[in-house]
Amino acid sequence: AKETEKLQFALGEVEVLSKQLEREK
């Protein structure tokens, strides 16, 4: 459950970073 929560948080960060990367791109 903890790792799932971390994974969900990491996925959220990845999504944010992906959007930021897309804007920068």
PDBML (XML) file of the C-alpha atoms, coordinates in Angstrom:
<?xml version="1.0" encoding="UTF-8" ?>
<PDBx:datablock datablockName="MODEL"
   xmlns:PDBx="http://pdbml.pdb.org/schema/pdbx-v50.xsd"
   xmlns:xsi="http://www.w3.org/2001/XMLSchema-instance"
   xsi:schemaLocation="http://pdbml.pdb.org/schema/pdbx-v50.xsd pdbx-v50.xsd">
   <PDBx:atom_siteCategory>
      <PDBx:atom_site id="1">
         <PDBx:B_iso_or_equiv>0.00</PDBx:B_iso_or_equiv>
         <PDBx:Cartn_x>0.000</PDBx:Cartn_x>
         <PDBx:Cartn_y>0.000</PDBx:Cartn_y>
         <PDBx:Cartn_z>0.000</PDBx:Cartn_z>
         <PDBx:auth_asym_id>A</PDBx:auth_asym_id>
         <PDBx:auth_atom_id>CA</PDBx:auth_atom_id>
         <PDBx:auth_comp_id>ALA</PDBx:auth_comp_id>
         <PDBx:auth_seq_id>1</PDBx:auth_seq_id>
         <PDBx:group_PDB>ATOM</PDBx:group_PDB>
         <PDBx:label_alt_id xsi:nil="true" />
         <PDBx:label_asym_id>A</PDBx:label_asym_id>
         <PDBx:label_atom_id>CA</PDBx:label_atom_id>
         <PDBx:label_comp_id>ALA</PDBx:label_comp_id>
         <PDBx:label_entity_id>1</PDBx:label_entity_id>
         <PDBx:label_seq_id>1</PDBx:label_seq_id>
         <PDBx:occupancy>1.00</PDBx:occupancy>
         <PDBx:pdbx_PDB_model_num>1</PDBx:pdbx_PDB_model_num>
         <PDBx:type_symbol>C</PDBx:type_symbol>
      </PDBx:atom_site>
      <PDBx:atom_site id="2">
         <PDBx:B_iso_or_equiv>0.00</PDBx:B_iso_or_equiv>
         <PDBx:Cartn_x>2.845</PDBx:Cartn_x>
         <PDBx:Cartn_y>2.384</PDBx:Cartn_y>
         <PDBx:Cartn_z>0.869</PDBx:Cartn_z>
         <PDBx:auth_asym_id>A</PDBx:auth_asym_id>
         <PDBx:auth_atom_id>CA</PDBx:auth_atom_id>
         <PDBx:auth_comp_id>LYS</PDBx:auth_comp_id>
         <PDBx:auth_seq_id>2</PDBx:auth_seq_id>
         <PDBx:group_PDB>ATOM</PDBx:group_PDB>
         <PDBx:label_alt_id xsi:nil="true" />
         <PDBx:label_asym_id>A</PDBx:label_asym_id>
         <PDBx:label_atom_id>CA</PDBx:label_atom_id>
         <PDBx:label_comp_id>LYS</PDBx:label_comp_id>
         <PDBx:label_entity_id>1</PDBx:label_entity_id>
         <PDBx:label_seq_id>2</PDBx:label_seq_id>
         <PDBx:occupancy>1.00</PDBx:occupancy>
         <PDBx:pdbx_PDB_model_num>1</PDBx:pdbx_PDB_model_num>
         <PDBx:type_symbol>C</PDBx:type_symbol>
      </PDBx:atom_site>
      <PDBx:atom_site id="3">
         <PDBx:B_iso_or_equiv>0.00</PDBx:B_iso_or_equiv>
         <PDBx:Cartn_x>4.669</PDBx:Cartn_x>
         <PDBx:Cartn_y>1.565</PDBx:Cartn_y>
         <PDBx:Cartn_z>-2.342</PDBx:Cartn_z>
         <PDBx:auth_asym_id>A</PDBx:auth_asym_id>
         <PDBx:auth_atom_id>CA</PDBx:auth_atom_id>
         <PDBx:auth_comp_id>GLU</PDBx:auth_comp_id>
         <PDBx:auth_seq_id>3</PDBx:auth_seq_id>
         <PDBx:group_PDB>ATOM</PDBx:group_PDB>
         <PDBx:label_alt_id xsi:nil="true" />
         <PDBx:label_asym_id>A</PDBx:label_asym_id>
         <PDBx:label_atom_id>CA</PDBx:label_atom_id>
         <PDBx:label_comp_id>GLU</PDBx:label_comp_id>
         <PDBx:label_entity_id>1</PDBx:label_entity_id>
         <PDBx:label_seq_id>3</PDBx:label_seq_id>
         <PDBx:occupancy>1.00</PDBx:occupancy>
         <PDBx:pdbx_PDB_model_num>1</PDBx:pdbx_PDB_model_num>
         <PDBx:type_symbol>C</PDBx:type_symbol>
      </PDBx:atom_site>
      <PDBx:atom_site id="4">
         <PDBx:B_iso_or_equiv>0.00</PDBx:B_iso_or_equiv>
         <PDBx:Cartn_x>1.417</PDBx:Cartn_x>
         <PDBx:Cartn_y>1.973</PDBx:Cartn_y>
         <PDBx:Cartn_z>-4.274</PDBx:Cartn_z>
         <PDBx:auth_asym_id>A</PDBx:auth_asym_id>
         <PDBx:auth_atom_id>CA</PDBx:auth_atom_id>
         <PDBx:auth_comp_id>THR</PDBx:auth_comp_id>
         <PDBx:auth_seq_id>4</PDBx:auth_seq_id>
         <PDBx:group_PDB>ATOM</PDBx:group_PDB>
         <PDBx:label_alt_id xsi:nil="true" />
         <PDBx:label_asym_id>A</PDBx:label_asym_id>
         <PDBx:label_atom_id>CA</PDBx:label_atom_id>
         <PDBx:label_comp_id>THR</PDBx:label_comp_id>
         <PDBx:label_entity_id>1</PDBx:label_entity_id>
         <PDBx:label_seq_id>4</PDBx:label_seq_id>
         <PDBx:occupancy>1.00</PDBx:occupancy>
         <PDBx:pdbx_PDB_model_num>1</PDBx:pdbx_PDB_model_num>
         <PDBx:type_symbol>C</PDBx:type_symbol>
      </PDBx:atom_site>
      <PDBx:atom_site id="5">
         <PDBx:B_iso_or_equiv>0.00</PDBx:B_iso_or_equiv>
         <PDBx:Cartn_x>0.968</PDBx:Cartn_x>
         <PDBx:Cartn_y>5.381</PDBx:Cartn_y>
         <PDBx:Cartn_z>-2.674</PDBx:Cartn_z>
         <PDBx:auth_asym_id>A</PDBx:auth_asym_id>
         <PDBx:auth_atom_id>CA</PDBx:auth_atom_id>
         <PDBx:auth_comp_id>GLU</PDBx:auth_comp_id>
         <PDBx:auth_seq_id>5</PDBx:auth_seq_id>
         <PDBx:group_PDB>ATOM</PDBx:group_PDB>
         <PDBx:label_alt_id xsi:nil="true" />
         <PDBx:label_asym_id>A</PDBx:label_asym_id>
         <PDBx:label_atom_id>CA</PDBx:label_atom_id>
         <PDBx:label_comp_id>GLU</PDBx:label_comp_id>
         <PDBx:label_entity_id>1</PDBx:label_entity_id>
         <PDBx:label_seq_id>5</PDBx:label_seq_id>
         <PDBx:occupancy>1.00</PDBx:occupancy>
         <PDBx:pdbx_PDB_model_num>1</PDBx:pdbx_PDB_model_num>
         <PDBx:type_symbol>C</PDBx:type_symbol>
      </PDBx:atom_site>
      <PDBx:atom_site id="6">
         <PDBx:B_iso_or_equiv>0.00</PDBx:B_iso_or_equiv>
         <PDBx:Cartn_x>4.551</PDBx:Cartn_x>
         <PDBx:Cartn_y>6.271</PDBx:Cartn_y>
         <PDBx:Cartn_z>-3.572</PDBx:Cartn_z>
         <PDBx:auth_asym_id>A</PDBx:auth_asym_id>
         <PDBx:auth_atom_id>CA</PDBx:auth_atom_id>
         <PDBx:auth_comp_id>LYS</PDBx:auth_comp_id>
         <PDBx:auth_seq_id>6</PDBx:auth_seq_id>
         <PDBx:group_PDB>ATOM</PDBx:group_PDB>
         <PDBx:label_alt_id xsi:nil="true" />
         <PDBx:label_asym_id>A</PDBx:label_asym_id>
         <PDBx:label_atom_id>CA</PDBx:label_atom_id>
         <PDBx:label_comp_id>LYS</PDBx:label_comp_id>
         <PDBx:label_entity_id>1</PDBx:label_entity_id>
         <PDBx:label_seq_id>6</PDBx:label_seq_id>
         <PDBx:occupancy>1.00</PDBx:occupancy>
         <PDBx:pdbx_PDB_model_num>1</PDBx:pdbx_PDB_model_num>
         <PDBx:type_symbol>C</PDBx:type_symbol>
      </PDBx:atom_site>
      <PDBx:atom_site id="7">
         <PDBx:B_iso_or_equiv>0.00</PDBx:B_iso_or_equiv>
         <PDBx:Cartn_x>3.959</PDBx:Cartn_x>
         <PDBx:Cartn_y>4.984</PDBx:Cartn_y>
         <PDBx:Cartn_z>-7.083</PDBx:Cartn_z>
         <PDBx:auth_asym_id>A</PDBx:auth_asym_id>
         <PDBx:auth_atom_id>CA</PDBx:auth_atom_id>
         <PDBx:auth_comp_id>LEU</PDBx:auth_comp_id>
         <PDBx:auth_seq_id>7</PDBx:auth_seq_id>
         <PDBx:group_PDB>ATOM</PDBx:group_PDB>
         <PDBx:label_alt_id xsi:nil="true" />
         <PDBx:label_asym_id>A</PDBx:label_asym_id>
         <PDBx:label_atom_id>CA</PDBx:label_atom_id>
         <PDBx:label_comp_id>LEU</PDBx:label_comp_id>
         <PDBx:label_entity_id>1</PDBx:label_entity_id>
         <PDBx:label_seq_id>7</PDBx:label_seq_id>
         <PDBx:occupancy>1.00</PDBx:occupancy>
         <PDBx:pdbx_PDB_model_num>1</PDBx:pdbx_PDB_model_num>
         <PDBx:type_symbol>C</PDBx:type_symbol>
      </PDBx:atom_site>
      <PDBx:atom_site id="8">
         <PDBx:B_iso_or_equiv>0.00</PDBx:B_iso_or_equiv>
         <PDBx:Cartn_x>0.803</PDBx:Cartn_x>
         <PDBx:Cartn_y>7.080</PDBx:Cartn_y>
         <PDBx:Cartn_z>-7.434</PDBx:Cartn_z>
         <PDBx:auth_asym_id>A</PDBx:auth_asym_id>
         <PDBx:auth_atom_id>CA</PDBx:auth_atom_id>
         <PDBx:auth_comp_id>GLN</PDBx:auth_comp_id>
         <PDBx:auth_seq_id>8</PDBx:auth_seq_id>
         <PDBx:group_PDB>ATOM</PDBx:group_PDB>
         <PDBx:label_alt_id xsi:nil="true" />
         <PDBx:label_asym_id>A</PDBx:label_asym_id>
         <PDBx:label_atom_id>CA</PDBx:label_atom_id>
         <PDBx:label_comp_id>GLN</PDBx:label_comp_id>
         <PDBx:label_entity_id>1</PDBx:label_entity_id>
         <PDBx:label_seq_id>8</PDBx:label_seq_id>
         <PDBx:occupancy>1.00</PDBx:occupancy>
         <PDBx:pdbx_PDB_model_num>1</PDBx:pdbx_PDB_model_num>
         <PDBx:type_symbol>C</PDBx:type_symbol>
      </PDBx:atom_site>
      <PDBx:atom_site id="9">
         <PDBx:B_iso_or_equiv>0.00</PDBx:B_iso_or_equiv>
         <PDBx:Cartn_x>2.708</PDBx:Cartn_x>
         <PDBx:Cartn_y>10.124</PDBx:Cartn_y>
         <PDBx:Cartn_z>-6.167</PDBx:Cartn_z>
         <PDBx:auth_asym_id>A</PDBx:auth_asym_id>
         <PDBx:auth_atom_id>CA</PDBx:auth_atom_id>
         <PDBx:auth_comp_id>PHE</PDBx:auth_comp_id>
         <PDBx:auth_seq_id>9</PDBx:auth_seq_id>
         <PDBx:group_PDB>ATOM</PDBx:group_PDB>
         <PDBx:label_alt_id xsi:nil="true" />
         <PDBx:label_asym_id>A</PDBx:label_asym_id>
         <PDBx:label_atom_id>CA</PDBx:label_atom_id>
         <PDBx:label_comp_id>PHE</PDBx:label_comp_id>
         <PDBx:label_entity_id>1</PDBx:label_entity_id>
         <PDBx:label_seq_id>9</PDBx:label_seq_id>
         <PDBx:occupancy>1.00</PDBx:occupancy>
         <PDBx:pdbx_PDB_model_num>1</PDBx:pdbx_PDB_model_num>
         <PDBx:type_symbol>C</PDBx:type_symbol>
      </PDBx:atom_site>
      <PDBx:atom_site id="10">
         <PDBx:B_iso_or_equiv>0.00</PDBx:B_iso_or_equiv>
         <PDBx:Cartn_x>5.565</PDBx:Cartn_x>
         <PDBx:Cartn_y>9.379</PDBx:Cartn_y>
         <PDBx:Cartn_z>-8.573</PDBx:Cartn_z>
         <PDBx:auth_asym_id>A</PDBx:auth_asym_id>
         <PDBx:auth_atom_id>CA</PDBx:auth_atom_id>
         <PDBx:auth_comp_id>ALA</PDBx:auth_comp_id>
         <PDBx:auth_seq_id>10</PDBx:auth_seq_id>
         <PDBx:group_PDB>ATOM</PDBx:group_PDB>
         <PDBx:label_alt_id xsi:nil="true" />
         <PDBx:label_asym_id>A</PDBx:label_asym_id>
         <PDBx:label_atom_id>CA</PDBx:label_atom_id>
         <PDBx:label_comp_id>ALA</PDBx:label_comp_id>
         <PDBx:label_entity_id>1</PDBx:label_entity_id>
         <PDBx:label_seq_id>10</PDBx:label_seq_id>
         <PDBx:occupancy>1.00</PDBx:occupancy>
         <PDBx:pdbx_PDB_model_num>1</PDBx:pdbx_PDB_model_num>
         <PDBx:type_symbol>C</PDBx:type_symbol>
      </PDBx:atom_site>
      <PDBx:atom_site id="11">
         <PDBx:B_iso_or_equiv>0.00</PDBx:B_iso_or_equiv>
         <PDBx:Cartn_x>3.071</PDBx:Cartn_x>
         <PDBx:Cartn_y>8.948</PDBx:Cartn_y>
         <PDBx:Cartn_z>-11.414</PDBx:Cartn_z>
         <PDBx:auth_asym_id>A</PDBx:auth_asym_id>
         <PDBx:auth_atom_id>CA</PDBx:auth_atom_id>
         <PDBx:auth_comp_id>LEU</PDBx:auth_comp_id>
         <PDBx:auth_seq_id>11</PDBx:auth_seq_id>
         <PDBx:group_PDB>ATOM</PDBx:group_PDB>
         <PDBx:label_alt_id xsi:nil="true" />
         <PDBx:label_asym_id>A</PDBx:label_asym_id>
         <PDBx:label_atom_id>CA</PDBx:label_atom_id>
         <PDBx:label_comp_id>LEU</PDBx:label_comp_id>
         <PDBx:label_entity_id>1</PDBx:label_entity_id>
         <PDBx:label_seq_id>11</PDBx:label_seq_id>
         <PDBx:occupancy>1.00</PDBx:occupancy>
         <PDBx:pdbx_PDB_model_num>1</PDBx:pdbx_PDB_model_num>
         <PDBx:type_symbol>C</PDBx:type_symbol>
      </PDBx:atom_site>
      <PDBx:atom_site id="12">
         <PDBx:B_iso_or_equiv>0.00</PDBx:B_iso_or_equiv>
         <PDBx:Cartn_x>1.572</PDBx:Cartn_x>
         <PDBx:Cartn_y>12.326</PDBx:Cartn_y>
         <PDBx:Cartn_z>-10.524</PDBx:Cartn_z>
         <PDBx:auth_asym_id>A</PDBx:auth_asym_id>
         <PDBx:auth_atom_id>CA</PDBx:auth_atom_id>
         <PDBx:auth_comp_id>GLY</PDBx:auth_comp_id>
         <PDBx:auth_seq_id>12</PDBx:auth_seq_id>
         <PDBx:group_PDB>ATOM</PDBx:group_PDB>
         <PDBx:label_alt_id xsi:nil="true" />
         <PDBx:label_asym_id>A</PDBx:label_asym_id>
         <PDBx:label_atom_id>CA</PDBx:label_atom_id>
         <PDBx:label_comp_id>GLY</PDBx:label_comp_id>
         <PDBx:label_entity_id>1</PDBx:label_entity_id>
         <PDBx:label_seq_id>12</PDBx:label_seq_id>
         <PDBx:occupancy>1.00</PDBx:occupancy>
         <PDBx:pdbx_PDB_model_num>1</PDBx:pdbx_PDB_model_num>
         <PDBx:type_symbol>C</PDBx:type_symbol>
      </PDBx:atom_site>
      <PDBx:atom_site id="13">
         <PDBx:B_iso_or_equiv>0.00</PDBx:B_iso_or_equiv>
         <PDBx:Cartn_x>5.029</PDBx:Cartn_x>
         <PDBx:Cartn_y>13.889</PDBx:Cartn_y>
         <PDBx:Cartn_z>-10.541</PDBx:Cartn_z>
         <PDBx:auth_asym_id>A</PDBx:auth_asym_id>
         <PDBx:auth_atom_id>CA</PDBx:auth_atom_id>
         <PDBx:auth_comp_id>GLU</PDBx:auth_comp_id>
         <PDBx:auth_seq_id>13</PDBx:auth_seq_id>
         <PDBx:group_PDB>ATOM</PDBx:group_PDB>
         <PDBx:label_alt_id xsi:nil="true" />
         <PDBx:label_asym_id>A</PDBx:label_asym_id>
         <PDBx:label_atom_id>CA</PDBx:label_atom_id>
         <PDBx:label_comp_id>GLU</PDBx:label_comp_id>
         <PDBx:label_entity_id>1</PDBx:label_entity_id>
         <PDBx:label_seq_id>13</PDBx:label_seq_id>
         <PDBx:occupancy>1.00</PDBx:occupancy>
         <PDBx:pdbx_PDB_model_num>1</PDBx:pdbx_PDB_model_num>
         <PDBx:type_symbol>C</PDBx:type_symbol>
      </PDBx:atom_site>
      <PDBx:atom_site id="14">
         <PDBx:B_iso_or_equiv>0.00</PDBx:B_iso_or_equiv>
         <PDBx:Cartn_x>5.780</PDBx:Cartn_x>
         <PDBx:Cartn_y>12.186</PDBx:Cartn_y>
         <PDBx:Cartn_z>-13.850</PDBx:Cartn_z>
         <PDBx:auth_asym_id>A</PDBx:auth_asym_id>
         <PDBx:auth_atom_id>CA</PDBx:auth_atom_id>
         <PDBx:auth_comp_id>VAL</PDBx:auth_comp_id>
         <PDBx:auth_seq_id>14</PDBx:auth_seq_id>
         <PDBx:group_PDB>ATOM</PDBx:group_PDB>
         <PDBx:label_alt_id xsi:nil="true" />
         <PDBx:label_asym_id>A</PDBx:label_asym_id>
         <PDBx:label_atom_id>CA</PDBx:label_atom_id>
         <PDBx:label_comp_id>VAL</PDBx:label_comp_id>
         <PDBx:label_entity_id>1</PDBx:label_entity_id>
         <PDBx:label_seq_id>14</PDBx:label_seq_id>
         <PDBx:occupancy>1.00</PDBx:occupancy>
         <PDBx:pdbx_PDB_model_num>1</PDBx:pdbx_PDB_model_num>
         <PDBx:type_symbol>C</PDBx:type_symbol>
      </PDBx:atom_site>
      <PDBx:atom_site id="15">
         <PDBx:B_iso_or_equiv>0.00</PDBx:B_iso_or_equiv>
         <PDBx:Cartn_x>2.561</PDBx:Cartn_x>
         <PDBx:Cartn_y>13.565</PDBx:Cartn_y>
         <PDBx:Cartn_z>-15.300</PDBx:Cartn_z>
         <PDBx:auth_asym_id>A</PDBx:auth_asym_id>
         <PDBx:auth_atom_id>CA</PDBx:auth_atom_id>
         <PDBx:auth_comp_id>GLU</PDBx:auth_comp_id>
         <PDBx:auth_seq_id>15</PDBx:auth_seq_id>
         <PDBx:group_PDB>ATOM</PDBx:group_PDB>
         <PDBx:label_alt_id xsi:nil="true" />
         <PDBx:label_asym_id>A</PDBx:label_asym_id>
         <PDBx:label_atom_id>CA</PDBx:label_atom_id>
         <PDBx:label_comp_id>GLU</PDBx:label_comp_id>
         <PDBx:label_entity_id>1</PDBx:label_entity_id>
         <PDBx:label_seq_id>15</PDBx:label_seq_id>
         <PDBx:occupancy>1.00</PDBx:occupancy>
         <PDBx:pdbx_PDB_model_num>1</PDBx:pdbx_PDB_model_num>
         <PDBx:type_symbol>C</PDBx:type_symbol>
      </PDBx:atom_site>
      <PDBx:atom_site id="16">
         <PDBx:B_iso_or_equiv>0.00</PDBx:B_iso_or_equiv>
         <PDBx:Cartn_x>3.415</PDBx:Cartn_x>
         <PDBx:Cartn_y>17.075</PDBx:Cartn_y>
         <PDBx:Cartn_z>-14.050</PDBx:Cartn_z>
         <PDBx:auth_asym_id>A</PDBx:auth_asym_id>
         <PDBx:auth_atom_id>CA</PDBx:auth_atom_id>
         <PDBx:auth_comp_id>VAL</PDBx:auth_comp_id>
         <PDBx:auth_seq_id>16</PDBx:auth_seq_id>
         <PDBx:group_PDB>ATOM</PDBx:group_PDB>
         <PDBx:label_alt_id xsi:nil="true" />
         <PDBx:label_asym_id>A</PDBx:label_asym_id>
         <PDBx:label_atom_id>CA</PDBx:label_atom_id>
         <PDBx:label_comp_id>VAL</PDBx:label_comp_id>
         <PDBx:label_entity_id>1</PDBx:label_entity_id>
         <PDBx:label_seq_id>16</PDBx:label_seq_id>
         <PDBx:occupancy>1.00</PDBx:occupancy>
         <PDBx:pdbx_PDB_model_num>1</PDBx:pdbx_PDB_model_num>
         <PDBx:type_symbol>C</PDBx:type_symbol>
      </PDBx:atom_site>
      <PDBx:atom_site id="17">
         <PDBx:B_iso_or_equiv>0.00</PDBx:B_iso_or_equiv>
         <PDBx:Cartn_x>6.951</PDBx:Cartn_x>
         <PDBx:Cartn_y>16.766</PDBx:Cartn_y>
         <PDBx:Cartn_z>-15.386</PDBx:Cartn_z>
         <PDBx:auth_asym_id>A</PDBx:auth_asym_id>
         <PDBx:auth_atom_id>CA</PDBx:auth_atom_id>
         <PDBx:auth_comp_id>LEU</PDBx:auth_comp_id>
         <PDBx:auth_seq_id>17</PDBx:auth_seq_id>
         <PDBx:group_PDB>ATOM</PDBx:group_PDB>
         <PDBx:label_alt_id xsi:nil="true" />
         <PDBx:label_asym_id>A</PDBx:label_asym_id>
         <PDBx:label_atom_id>CA</PDBx:label_atom_id>
         <PDBx:label_comp_id>LEU</PDBx:label_comp_id>
         <PDBx:label_entity_id>1</PDBx:label_entity_id>
         <PDBx:label_seq_id>17</PDBx:label_seq_id>
         <PDBx:occupancy>1.00</PDBx:occupancy>
         <PDBx:pdbx_PDB_model_num>1</PDBx:pdbx_PDB_model_num>
         <PDBx:type_symbol>C</PDBx:type_symbol>
      </PDBx:atom_site>
      <PDBx:atom_site id="18">
         <PDBx:B_iso_or_equiv>0.00</PDBx:B_iso_or_equiv>
         <PDBx:Cartn_x>5.622</PDBx:Cartn_x>
         <PDBx:Cartn_y>15.395</PDBx:Cartn_y>
         <PDBx:Cartn_z>-18.682</PDBx:Cartn_z>
         <PDBx:auth_asym_id>A</PDBx:auth_asym_id>
         <PDBx:auth_atom_id>CA</PDBx:auth_atom_id>
         <PDBx:auth_comp_id>SER</PDBx:auth_comp_id>
         <PDBx:auth_seq_id>18</PDBx:auth_seq_id>
         <PDBx:group_PDB>ATOM</PDBx:group_PDB>
         <PDBx:label_alt_id xsi:nil="true" />
         <PDBx:label_asym_id>A</PDBx:label_asym_id>
         <PDBx:label_atom_id>CA</PDBx:label_atom_id>
         <PDBx:label_comp_id>SER</PDBx:label_comp_id>
         <PDBx:label_entity_id>1</PDBx:label_entity_id>
         <PDBx:label_seq_id>18</PDBx:label_seq_id>
         <PDBx:occupancy>1.00</PDBx:occupancy>
         <PDBx:pdbx_PDB_model_num>1</PDBx:pdbx_PDB_model_num>
         <PDBx:type_symbol>C</PDBx:type_symbol>
      </PDBx:atom_site>
      <PDBx:atom_site id="19">
         <PDBx:B_iso_or_equiv>0.00</PDBx:B_iso_or_equiv>
         <PDBx:Cartn_x>3.327</PDBx:Cartn_x>
         <PDBx:Cartn_y>18.397</PDBx:Cartn_y>
         <PDBx:Cartn_z>-19.077</PDBx:Cartn_z>
         <PDBx:auth_asym_id>A</PDBx:auth_asym_id>
         <PDBx:auth_atom_id>CA</PDBx:auth_atom_id>
         <PDBx:auth_comp_id>LYS</PDBx:auth_comp_id>
         <PDBx:auth_seq_id>19</PDBx:auth_seq_id>
         <PDBx:group_PDB>ATOM</PDBx:group_PDB>
         <PDBx:label_alt_id xsi:nil="true" />
         <PDBx:label_asym_id>A</PDBx:label_asym_id>
         <PDBx:label_atom_id>CA</PDBx:label_atom_id>
         <PDBx:label_comp_id>LYS</PDBx:label_comp_id>
         <PDBx:label_entity_id>1</PDBx:label_entity_id>
         <PDBx:label_seq_id>19</PDBx:label_seq_id>
         <PDBx:occupancy>1.00</PDBx:occupancy>
         <PDBx:pdbx_PDB_model_num>1</PDBx:pdbx_PDB_model_num>
         <PDBx:type_symbol>C</PDBx:type_symbol>
      </PDBx:atom_site>
      <PDBx:atom_site id="20">
         <PDBx:B_iso_or_equiv>0.00</PDBx:B_iso_or_equiv>
         <PDBx:Cartn_x>6.172</PDBx:Cartn_x>
         <PDBx:Cartn_y>20.738</PDBx:Cartn_y>
         <PDBx:Cartn_z>-18.128</PDBx:Cartn_z>
         <PDBx:auth_asym_id>A</PDBx:auth_asym_id>
         <PDBx:auth_atom_id>CA</PDBx:auth_atom_id>
         <PDBx:auth_comp_id>GLN</PDBx:auth_comp_id>
         <PDBx:auth_seq_id>20</PDBx:auth_seq_id>
         <PDBx:group_PDB>ATOM</PDBx:group_PDB>
         <PDBx:label_alt_id xsi:nil="true" />
         <PDBx:label_asym_id>A</PDBx:label_asym_id>
         <PDBx:label_atom_id>CA</PDBx:label_atom_id>
         <PDBx:label_comp_id>GLN</PDBx:label_comp_id>
         <PDBx:label_entity_id>1</PDBx:label_entity_id>
         <PDBx:label_seq_id>20</PDBx:label_seq_id>
         <PDBx:occupancy>1.00</PDBx:occupancy>
         <PDBx:pdbx_PDB_model_num>1</PDBx:pdbx_PDB_model_num>
         <PDBx:type_symbol>C</PDBx:type_symbol>
      </PDBx:atom_site>
      <PDBx:atom_site id="21">
         <PDBx:B_iso_or_equiv>0.00</PDBx:B_iso_or_equiv>
         <PDBx:Cartn_x>8.455</PDBx:Cartn_x>
         <PDBx:Cartn_y>18.941</PDBx:Cartn_y>
         <PDBx:Cartn_z>-20.563</PDBx:Cartn_z>
         <PDBx:auth_asym_id>A</PDBx:auth_asym_id>
         <PDBx:auth_atom_id>CA</PDBx:auth_atom_id>
         <PDBx:auth_comp_id>LEU</PDBx:auth_comp_id>
         <PDBx:auth_seq_id>21</PDBx:auth_seq_id>
         <PDBx:group_PDB>ATOM</PDBx:group_PDB>
         <PDBx:label_alt_id xsi:nil="true" />
         <PDBx:label_asym_id>A</PDBx:label_asym_id>
         <PDBx:label_atom_id>CA</PDBx:label_atom_id>
         <PDBx:label_comp_id>LEU</PDBx:label_comp_id>
         <PDBx:label_entity_id>1</PDBx:label_entity_id>
         <PDBx:label_seq_id>21</PDBx:label_seq_id>
         <PDBx:occupancy>1.00</PDBx:occupancy>
         <PDBx:pdbx_PDB_model_num>1</PDBx:pdbx_PDB_model_num>
         <PDBx:type_symbol>C</PDBx:type_symbol>
      </PDBx:atom_site>
      <PDBx:atom_site id="22">
         <PDBx:B_iso_or_equiv>0.00</PDBx:B_iso_or_equiv>
         <PDBx:Cartn_x>5.826</PDBx:Cartn_x>
         <PDBx:Cartn_y>19.243</PDBx:Cartn_y>
         <PDBx:Cartn_z>-23.284</PDBx:Cartn_z>
         <PDBx:auth_asym_id>A</PDBx:auth_asym_id>
         <PDBx:auth_atom_id>CA</PDBx:auth_atom_id>
         <PDBx:auth_comp_id>GLU</PDBx:auth_comp_id>
         <PDBx:auth_seq_id>22</PDBx:auth_seq_id>
         <PDBx:group_PDB>ATOM</PDBx:group_PDB>
         <PDBx:label_alt_id xsi:nil="true" />
         <PDBx:label_asym_id>A</PDBx:label_asym_id>
         <PDBx:label_atom_id>CA</PDBx:label_atom_id>
         <PDBx:label_comp_id>GLU</PDBx:label_comp_id>
         <PDBx:label_entity_id>1</PDBx:label_entity_id>
         <PDBx:label_seq_id>22</PDBx:label_seq_id>
         <PDBx:occupancy>1.00</PDBx:occupancy>
         <PDBx:pdbx_PDB_model_num>1</PDBx:pdbx_PDB_model_num>
         <PDBx:type_symbol>C</PDBx:type_symbol>
      </PDBx:atom_site>
      <PDBx:atom_site id="23">
         <PDBx:B_iso_or_equiv>0.00</PDBx:B_iso_or_equiv>
         <PDBx:Cartn_x>5.524</PDBx:Cartn_x>
         <PDBx:Cartn_y>22.989</PDBx:Cartn_y>
         <PDBx:Cartn_z>-22.638</PDBx:Cartn_z>
         <PDBx:auth_asym_id>A</PDBx:auth_asym_id>
         <PDBx:auth_atom_id>CA</PDBx:auth_atom_id>
         <PDBx:auth_comp_id>ARG</PDBx:auth_comp_id>
         <PDBx:auth_seq_id>23</PDBx:auth_seq_id>
         <PDBx:group_PDB>ATOM</PDBx:group_PDB>
         <PDBx:label_alt_id xsi:nil="true" />
         <PDBx:label_asym_id>A</PDBx:label_asym_id>
         <PDBx:label_atom_id>CA</PDBx:label_atom_id>
         <PDBx:label_comp_id>ARG</PDBx:label_comp_id>
         <PDBx:label_entity_id>1</PDBx:label_entity_id>
         <PDBx:label_seq_id>23</PDBx:label_seq_id>
         <PDBx:occupancy>1.00</PDBx:occupancy>
         <PDBx:pdbx_PDB_model_num>1</PDBx:pdbx_PDB_model_num>
         <PDBx:type_symbol>C</PDBx:type_symbol>
      </PDBx:atom_site>
      <PDBx:atom_site id="24">
         <PDBx:B_iso_or_equiv>0.00</PDBx:B_iso_or_equiv>
         <PDBx:Cartn_x>9.296</PDBx:Cartn_x>
         <PDBx:Cartn_y>23.371</PDBx:Cartn_y>
         <PDBx:Cartn_z>-22.659</PDBx:Cartn_z>
         <PDBx:auth_asym_id>A</PDBx:auth_asym_id>
         <PDBx:auth_atom_id>CA</PDBx:auth_atom_id>
         <PDBx:auth_comp_id>GLU</PDBx:auth_comp_id>
         <PDBx:auth_seq_id>24</PDBx:auth_seq_id>
         <PDBx:group_PDB>ATOM</PDBx:group_PDB>
         <PDBx:label_alt_id xsi:nil="true" />
         <PDBx:label_asym_id>A</PDBx:label_asym_id>
         <PDBx:label_atom_id>CA</PDBx:label_atom_id>
         <PDBx:label_comp_id>GLU</PDBx:label_comp_id>
         <PDBx:label_entity_id>1</PDBx:label_entity_id>
         <PDBx:label_seq_id>24</PDBx:label_seq_id>
         <PDBx:occupancy>1.00</PDBx:occupancy>
         <PDBx:pdbx_PDB_model_num>1</PDBx:pdbx_PDB_model_num>
         <PDBx:type_symbol>C</PDBx:type_symbol>
      </PDBx:atom_site>
      <PDBx:atom_site id="25">
         <PDBx:B_iso_or_equiv>0.00</PDBx:B_iso_or_equiv>
         <PDBx:Cartn_x>9.456</PDBx:Cartn_x>
         <PDBx:Cartn_y>21.267</PDBx:Cartn_y>
         <PDBx:Cartn_z>-25.819</PDBx:Cartn_z>
         <PDBx:auth_asym_id>A</PDBx:auth_asym_id>
         <PDBx:auth_atom_id>CA</PDBx:auth_atom_id>
         <PDBx:auth_comp_id>LYS</PDBx:auth_comp_id>
         <PDBx:auth_seq_id>25</PDBx:auth_seq_id>
         <PDBx:group_PDB>ATOM</PDBx:group_PDB>
         <PDBx:label_alt_id xsi:nil="true" />
         <PDBx:label_asym_id>A</PDBx:label_asym_id>
         <PDBx:label_atom_id>CA</PDBx:label_atom_id>
         <PDBx:label_comp_id>LYS</PDBx:label_comp_id>
         <PDBx:label_entity_id>1</PDBx:label_entity_id>
         <PDBx:label_seq_id>25</PDBx:label_seq_id>
         <PDBx:occupancy>1.00</PDBx:occupancy>
         <PDBx:pdbx_PDB_model_num>1</PDBx:pdbx_PDB_model_num>
         <PDBx:type_symbol>C</PDBx:type_symbol>
      </PDBx:atom_site>
   </PDBx:atom_siteCategory>
</PDBx:datablock>
